Amino acid sequence: MDTVRFQKLIEIPACSGGYSLVTKSVANDGSLLFLSIESSGAAAVREMHESGIGVFAKTRMNEARRFRLSLARPDGSLQTIQLPPLDITFPLVDVFPNGRILLVAPRCEWRGPGDYDLNAVIFDPTTAGMSRILLGDGINRAYVDALGRIWVAYFDEGVFGNFGWGSPGAGQIGSAGLICFSVFGEKIWEYPPVSNMVDCYALNVSNAQAAIYFYTDFPLCRISEDFKLACCETELHGCHHFAIAETSVLFSGQYDDPPDAGYLGRFSAGEALKTRRVQLQLPDGSPLPKGQLLGRGEHLYFFDEYAAYRASVD
């Protein structure tokens, strides 16, 4: 079996001053993002609650807590930014080209006309200005592109509605499965309704382009800067991350695959994407263990408890 070996980038910066790490991510420019919360909120930021026969993420913390963002830049520098107290849960994080910070809570609730959670925060570390916008419920991924647009991918509850969206309240915002928003929360573009998108499993945003892989048919679709679509069929089912370049793509494993499974393919005009299985390895050649994967551009990133790693396609 062929192998793809990750290279170590950095050790994860230690949390200090009474903070706990809550989110790891990667910005469009390749900066590694480490979001932490004051330790008194470490449990509340991940709190779940029972509703009916299901268990769901809480949409807000009962009390706002302070967050801190550490950015490990590609040039080796490390910047730490203190954020104001916020009530968002299970936060996703990214950075705009002008340095502003995006934080997104994946869940938000519609309680009545004019009464719903504004689940995205945009913070300017230069001016300390902050705004909140609505991006909708059921968010799987949220990334900022090189033009400052916000790409949001939704899982099935965001597509079909929950937490009051669609029934009894306003129509579900994420019904298209993928939406591109402005910094003001205005919908710029959404994926065409002719698709059979029930759950956007994977989103990769690089420069001013995006690519997605979605249930139920699991095609791989590229979206250009001006929203032109190019899609191809795949033979894969259930992958949640991928790295993509002009001629090739590297997927994470399918349903029930072990953590070290990957699938490498090359594009051929007018044909379905054909892939071969590869083993994902750490720098020492050992199989990739459980951890967090994330794809941006031609890079597939891996985070364990201690370090960040990267593998690339071309």
Protein backbone atom coordinates (compact mmCIF):
# COMPACT_ATOMS: atom_id res chain seq x y z
CA MET A 1 0.00 0.00 0.00
CA ASP A 2 1.23 3.50 -0.83
CA THR A 3 1.77 5.93 2.01
CA VAL A 4 1.35 9.66 2.65
CA ARG A 5 3.58 10.95 5.42
CA PHE A 6 2.73 14.02 7.49
CA GLN A 7 5.43 16.47 8.54
CA LYS A 8 5.44 18.10 11.96
CA LEU A 9 4.84 21.84 11.91
CA ILE A 10 4.87 22.97 15.54
CA GLU A 11 4.09 21.87 19.05
CA ILE A 12 0.73 23.21 20.21
CA PRO A 13 1.27 26.37 22.31
CA ALA A 14 0.70 25.75 26.00
CA CYS A 15 -2.30 27.44 27.57
CA SER A 16 -1.41 29.71 30.45
CA GLY A 17 -3.07 32.16 32.79
CA GLY A 18 -6.05 29.96 33.58
CA TYR A 19 -7.14 29.15 30.01
CA SER A 20 -8.07 25.84 28.36
CA LEU A 21 -7.77 24.95 24.67
CA VAL A 22 -11.15 24.52 22.98
CA THR A 23 -10.63 24.78 19.18
CA LYS A 24 -7.81 24.14 16.69
CA SER A 25 -8.04 25.34 13.09
CA VAL A 26 -6.14 26.74 10.09
CA ALA A 27 -6.56 30.14 8.39
CA ASN A 28 -6.48 30.85 4.66
CA ASP A 29 -2.86 32.07 4.86
CA GLY A 30 -1.72 28.87 6.59
CA SER A 31 -1.65 30.29 10.12
CA LEU A 32 -2.50 27.73 12.77
CA LEU A 33 -5.28 28.89 15.08
CA PHE A 34 -5.62 27.85 18.72
CA LEU A 35 -8.68 29.19 20.53
CA SER A 36 -8.83 28.86 24.31
CA ILE A 37 -11.37 29.84 26.95
CA GLU A 38 -10.94 30.85 30.56
CA SER A 39 -10.96 27.61 32.51
CA SER A 40 -14.18 28.40 34.36
CA GLY A 41 -15.96 28.03 30.99
CA ALA A 42 -14.21 24.86 29.78
CA ALA A 43 -17.24 22.69 30.57
CA ALA A 44 -19.94 25.21 29.66
CA VAL A 45 -18.55 25.83 26.17
CA ARG A 46 -19.13 22.12 25.34
CA GLU A 47 -22.35 21.61 27.29
CA MET A 48 -25.06 19.34 25.87
CA HIS A 49 -28.74 19.08 26.80
CA GLU A 50 -31.52 16.55 26.27
CA SER A 51 -34.51 17.48 24.15
CA GLY A 52 -37.14 14.88 23.33
CA ILE A 53 -35.33 11.69 22.37
CA GLY A 54 -32.10 13.44 21.36
CA VAL A 55 -29.06 15.07 22.95
CA PHE A 56 -27.99 18.37 21.40
CA ALA A 57 -25.35 21.05 21.86
CA LYS A 58 -26.52 24.04 23.87
CA THR A 59 -26.72 27.11 21.67
CA ARG A 60 -25.35 29.50 24.30
CA MET A 61 -23.51 29.47 27.57
CA ASN A 62 -25.48 30.78 30.54
CA GLU A 63 -22.68 33.23 31.27
CA ALA A 64 -20.27 34.90 28.85
CA ARG A 65 -16.64 33.86 29.20
CA ARG A 66 -13.38 35.29 27.91
CA PHE A 67 -11.64 33.68 24.93
CA ARG A 68 -8.04 33.97 23.74
CA LEU A 69 -6.73 33.26 20.22
CA SER A 70 -3.15 32.25 19.50
CA LEU A 71 -2.02 32.47 15.86
CA ALA A 72 1.09 30.55 14.81
CA ARG A 73 2.09 32.29 11.57
CA PRO A 74 3.85 30.56 8.66
CA ASP A 75 6.91 32.77 9.34
CA GLY A 76 7.28 31.19 12.80
CA SER A 77 5.90 34.11 14.83
CA LEU A 78 3.23 33.63 17.48
CA GLN A 79 0.54 36.23 18.19
CA THR A 80 -1.95 36.07 21.04
CA ILE A 81 -5.19 38.07 20.95
CA GLN A 82 -7.51 38.57 23.90
CA LEU A 83 -11.21 38.50 22.99
CA PRO A 84 -14.10 39.99 24.95
CA PRO A 85 -16.49 37.81 26.99
CA LEU A 86 -18.75 35.77 24.68
CA ASP A 87 -21.52 33.21 25.21
CA ILE A 88 -20.97 31.05 22.10
CA THR A 89 -20.61 27.27 22.37
CA PHE A 90 -18.55 24.73 20.38
CA PRO A 91 -16.87 27.65 18.54
CA LEU A 92 -15.43 27.49 15.03
CA VAL A 93 -12.72 30.07 14.34
CA ASP A 94 -11.11 31.74 11.33
CA VAL A 95 -9.39 35.02 10.46
CA PHE A 96 -10.26 37.62 7.81
CA PRO A 97 -7.57 38.99 5.47
CA ASN A 98 -7.67 42.31 7.37
CA GLY A 99 -7.02 40.62 10.71
CA ARG A 100 -10.54 40.54 12.07
CA ILE A 101 -11.56 37.32 13.79
CA LEU A 102 -14.60 35.17 13.05
CA LEU A 103 -16.10 32.97 15.76
CA VAL A 104 -19.14 30.83 14.93
CA ALA A 105 -21.42 28.75 17.15
CA PRO A 106 -22.70 25.80 15.06
CA ARG A 107 -26.15 25.83 16.69
CA CYS A 108 -28.64 28.67 17.06
CA GLU A 109 -32.27 28.74 18.15
CA TRP A 110 -35.36 30.47 16.75
CA ARG A 111 -37.62 31.31 19.68
CA GLY A 112 -40.03 33.73 18.02
CA PRO A 113 -40.21 36.63 15.53
CA GLY A 114 -37.12 38.77 16.09
CA ASP A 115 -35.93 36.45 18.87
CA TYR A 116 -33.10 34.16 17.76
CA ASP A 117 -29.40 33.65 18.40
CA LEU A 118 -26.94 35.69 16.34
CA ASN A 119 -24.45 32.87 16.24
CA ALA A 120 -21.42 34.49 14.57
CA VAL A 121 -19.12 37.09 16.10
CA ILE A 122 -16.72 39.31 14.17
CA PHE A 123 -14.11 40.95 16.36
CA ASP A 124 -11.58 43.60 15.32
CA PRO A 125 -8.49 43.31 17.57
CA THR A 126 -7.25 46.73 16.42
CA THR A 127 -10.32 48.71 17.45
CA ALA A 128 -11.91 46.18 19.85
CA GLY A 129 -15.10 46.61 17.81
CA MET A 130 -17.46 43.67 17.67
CA SER A 131 -20.52 42.76 15.62
CA ARG A 132 -22.83 39.74 15.58
CA ILE A 133 -24.54 38.23 12.55
CA LEU A 134 -26.81 35.27 11.85
CA LEU A 135 -25.37 32.35 9.85
CA GLY A 136 -28.04 29.79 10.67
CA ASP A 137 -28.32 26.55 12.60
CA GLY A 138 -26.68 23.19 11.93
CA ILE A 139 -23.25 24.43 10.80
CA ASN A 140 -20.61 21.85 9.98
CA ARG A 141 -17.79 24.15 8.81
CA ALA A 142 -17.25 27.91 8.43
CA TYR A 143 -14.23 29.43 6.66
CA VAL A 144 -13.20 32.87 5.40
CA ASP A 145 -11.74 33.25 1.90
CA ALA A 146 -9.16 35.69 0.52
CA LEU A 147 -11.91 38.17 -0.40
CA GLY A 148 -13.29 38.24 3.13
CA ARG A 149 -16.36 36.16 2.27
CA ILE A 150 -17.68 33.60 4.75
CA TRP A 151 -18.37 30.09 3.41
CA VAL A 152 -20.70 28.01 5.57
CA ALA A 153 -21.45 24.28 5.16
CA TYR A 154 -24.47 22.75 6.92
CA PHE A 155 -25.25 19.28 8.19
CA ASP A 156 -28.70 17.71 7.90
CA GLU A 157 -30.36 19.58 10.77
CA GLY A 158 -29.30 22.87 9.17
CA VAL A 159 -30.69 21.73 5.82
CA PHE A 160 -34.03 20.39 7.07
CA GLY A 161 -34.50 22.50 10.20
CA ASN A 162 -34.36 22.14 13.97
CA PHE A 163 -34.28 24.36 17.07
CA GLY A 164 -37.37 26.19 15.82
CA TRP A 165 -36.08 26.88 12.30
CA GLY A 166 -38.55 25.72 9.66
CA SER A 167 -41.09 24.63 12.29
CA PRO A 168 -42.67 26.57 13.87
CA GLY A 169 -40.48 29.50 12.90
CA ALA A 170 -38.68 31.07 9.98
CA GLY A 171 -37.40 28.91 7.12
CA GLN A 172 -34.10 27.18 7.77
CA ILE A 173 -31.21 29.34 6.56
CA GLY A 174 -28.99 26.43 5.54
CA SER A 175 -31.49 24.61 3.32
CA ALA A 176 -29.10 24.81 0.33
CA GLY A 177 -26.34 23.00 2.25
CA LEU A 178 -23.66 25.58 1.33
CA ILE A 179 -23.89 29.39 1.48
CA CYS A 180 -21.41 32.20 0.89
CA PHE A 181 -22.08 35.25 3.11
CA SER A 182 -20.72 38.77 3.25
CA VAL A 183 -19.09 40.09 6.40
CA PHE A 184 -22.46 41.70 7.18
CA GLY A 185 -24.27 38.37 7.12
CA GLU A 186 -25.85 38.98 3.70
CA LYS A 187 -26.28 35.93 1.49
CA ILE A 188 -24.09 36.37 -1.60
CA TRP A 189 -24.55 32.93 -3.15
CA GLU A 190 -25.93 29.51 -2.30
CA TYR A 191 -25.51 26.08 -3.82
CA PRO A 192 -28.08 25.48 -6.58
CA PRO A 193 -31.25 23.68 -5.42
CA VAL A 194 -30.97 21.09 -8.23
CA SER A 195 -28.44 19.17 -6.12
CA ASN A 196 -29.25 16.34 -3.76
CA MET A 197 -27.34 17.84 -0.83
CA VAL A 198 -28.59 16.51 2.49
CA ASP A 199 -25.40 17.01 4.52
CA CYS A 200 -22.25 18.87 3.47
CA TYR A 201 -19.67 16.46 4.89
CA ALA A 202 -16.53 18.41 3.92
CA LEU A 203 -15.64 21.97 2.93
CA ASN A 204 -12.25 23.22 1.75
CA VAL A 205 -11.76 26.96 1.23
CA SER A 206 -8.50 28.24 -0.26
CA ASN A 207 -7.70 31.67 -1.68
CA ALA A 208 -11.08 32.74 -3.17
CA GLN A 209 -12.30 29.27 -4.18
CA ALA A 210 -14.18 26.55 -2.34
CA ALA A 211 -14.69 22.82 -2.79
CA ILE A 212 -17.25 20.53 -1.17
CA TYR A 213 -18.06 16.84 -0.81
CA PHE A 214 -21.59 15.99 0.25
CA TYR A 215 -24.18 13.34 1.06
CA THR A 216 -26.11 11.64 -0.52
CA ASP A 217 -24.33 11.06 -3.84
CA PHE A 218 -20.86 12.14 -2.59
CA PRO A 219 -19.65 14.16 -5.58
CA LEU A 220 -16.64 16.45 -5.29
CA CYS A 221 -17.53 19.96 -6.49
CA ARG A 222 -15.29 22.97 -6.96
CA ILE A 223 -16.69 26.52 -6.82
CA SER A 224 -14.65 29.24 -8.51
CA GLU A 225 -14.20 32.80 -7.26
CA ASP A 226 -17.19 33.87 -9.40
CA PHE A 227 -19.29 30.83 -8.37
CA LYS A 228 -18.86 28.61 -11.42
CA LEU A 229 -19.28 24.92 -10.60
CA ALA A 230 -17.18 21.94 -11.70
CA CYS A 231 -18.27 18.61 -10.24
CA CYS A 232 -17.14 15.02 -10.61
CA GLU A 233 -18.46 11.75 -9.29
CA THR A 234 -16.45 9.81 -6.72
CA GLU A 235 -16.48 6.21 -5.60
CA LEU A 236 -16.03 7.20 -1.96
CA HIS A 237 -18.60 7.32 0.85
CA GLY A 238 -18.44 9.17 4.13
CA CYS A 239 -15.14 11.10 4.02
CA HIS A 240 -15.12 14.24 6.17
CA HIS A 241 -11.90 16.01 5.10
CA PHE A 242 -9.84 16.48 1.95
CA ALA A 243 -6.90 18.42 0.53
CA ILE A 244 -7.27 19.54 -3.08
CA ALA A 245 -4.90 20.87 -5.74
CA GLU A 246 -5.27 21.51 -9.46
CA THR A 247 -4.66 17.92 -10.49
CA SER A 248 -5.07 15.79 -7.37
CA VAL A 249 -7.00 15.31 -4.14
CA LEU A 250 -6.35 13.51 -0.85
CA PHE A 251 -9.37 12.35 1.19
CA SER A 252 -9.55 11.12 4.74
CA GLY A 253 -11.06 7.71 5.41
CA GLN A 254 -14.55 6.48 4.56
CA TYR A 255 -17.20 5.09 6.89
CA ASP A 256 -15.69 2.66 9.44
CA ASP A 257 -12.15 3.10 8.14
CA PRO A 258 -9.29 3.29 10.69
CA PRO A 259 -7.73 6.73 11.37
CA ASP A 260 -4.75 6.04 9.09
CA ALA A 261 -6.87 5.42 5.97
CA GLY A 262 -6.73 7.92 3.12
CA TYR A 263 -7.64 8.01 -0.57
CA LEU A 264 -5.50 9.69 -3.20
CA GLY A 265 -6.85 10.54 -6.66
CA ARG A 266 -5.98 12.51 -9.78
CA PHE A 267 -8.47 14.45 -11.87
CA SER A 268 -9.19 13.49 -15.46
CA ALA A 269 -11.41 15.72 -17.59
CA GLY A 270 -14.94 14.38 -18.01
CA GLU A 271 -14.37 11.27 -15.91
CA ALA A 272 -15.36 10.16 -12.44
CA LEU A 273 -12.61 10.57 -9.87
CA LYS A 274 -10.69 7.34 -9.38
CA THR A 275 -8.80 6.93 -6.12
CA ARG A 276 -6.48 4.42 -4.49
CA ARG A 277 -6.19 3.73 -0.80
CA VAL A 278 -3.11 5.02 1.00
CA GLN A 279 -1.91 4.85 4.57
CA LEU A 280 -1.58 8.16 6.40
CA GLN A 281 1.54 8.21 8.55
CA LEU A 282 3.21 10.35 11.20
CA PRO A 283 6.75 11.60 10.48
CA ASP A 284 8.28 8.49 12.07
CA GLY A 285 6.31 6.20 9.74
CA SER A 286 3.80 5.03 12.34
CA PRO A 287 0.11 4.92 11.36
CA LEU A 288 -1.85 8.10 11.95
CA PRO A 289 -3.72 7.78 15.27
CA LYS A 290 -7.05 9.31 16.21
CA GLY A 291 -6.99 13.09 16.19
CA GLN A 292 -8.37 16.08 14.32
CA LEU A 293 -8.03 16.35 10.54
CA LEU A 294 -8.72 19.51 8.52
CA GLY A 295 -8.26 20.35 4.84
CA ARG A 296 -7.35 23.79 3.44
CA GLY A 297 -6.18 24.11 -0.13
CA GLU A 298 -3.63 21.49 -1.07
CA HIS A 299 -2.85 20.70 2.57
CA LEU A 300 -4.36 18.14 4.94
CA TYR A 301 -3.64 19.06 8.56
CA PHE A 302 -3.59 16.76 11.57
CA PHE A 303 -3.70 17.80 15.22
CA ASP A 304 -3.10 15.52 18.16
CA GLU A 305 -2.90 16.59 21.79
CA TYR A 306 0.64 17.87 21.45
CA ALA A 307 1.47 18.98 17.92
CA ALA A 308 0.25 20.05 14.47
CA TYR A 309 1.23 18.20 11.28
CA ARG A 310 0.67 18.68 7.55
CA ALA A 311 0.61 16.57 4.38
CA SER A 312 0.23 18.02 0.87
CA VAL A 313 -0.92 17.14 -2.64
CA ASP A 314 0.07 18.78 -5.94
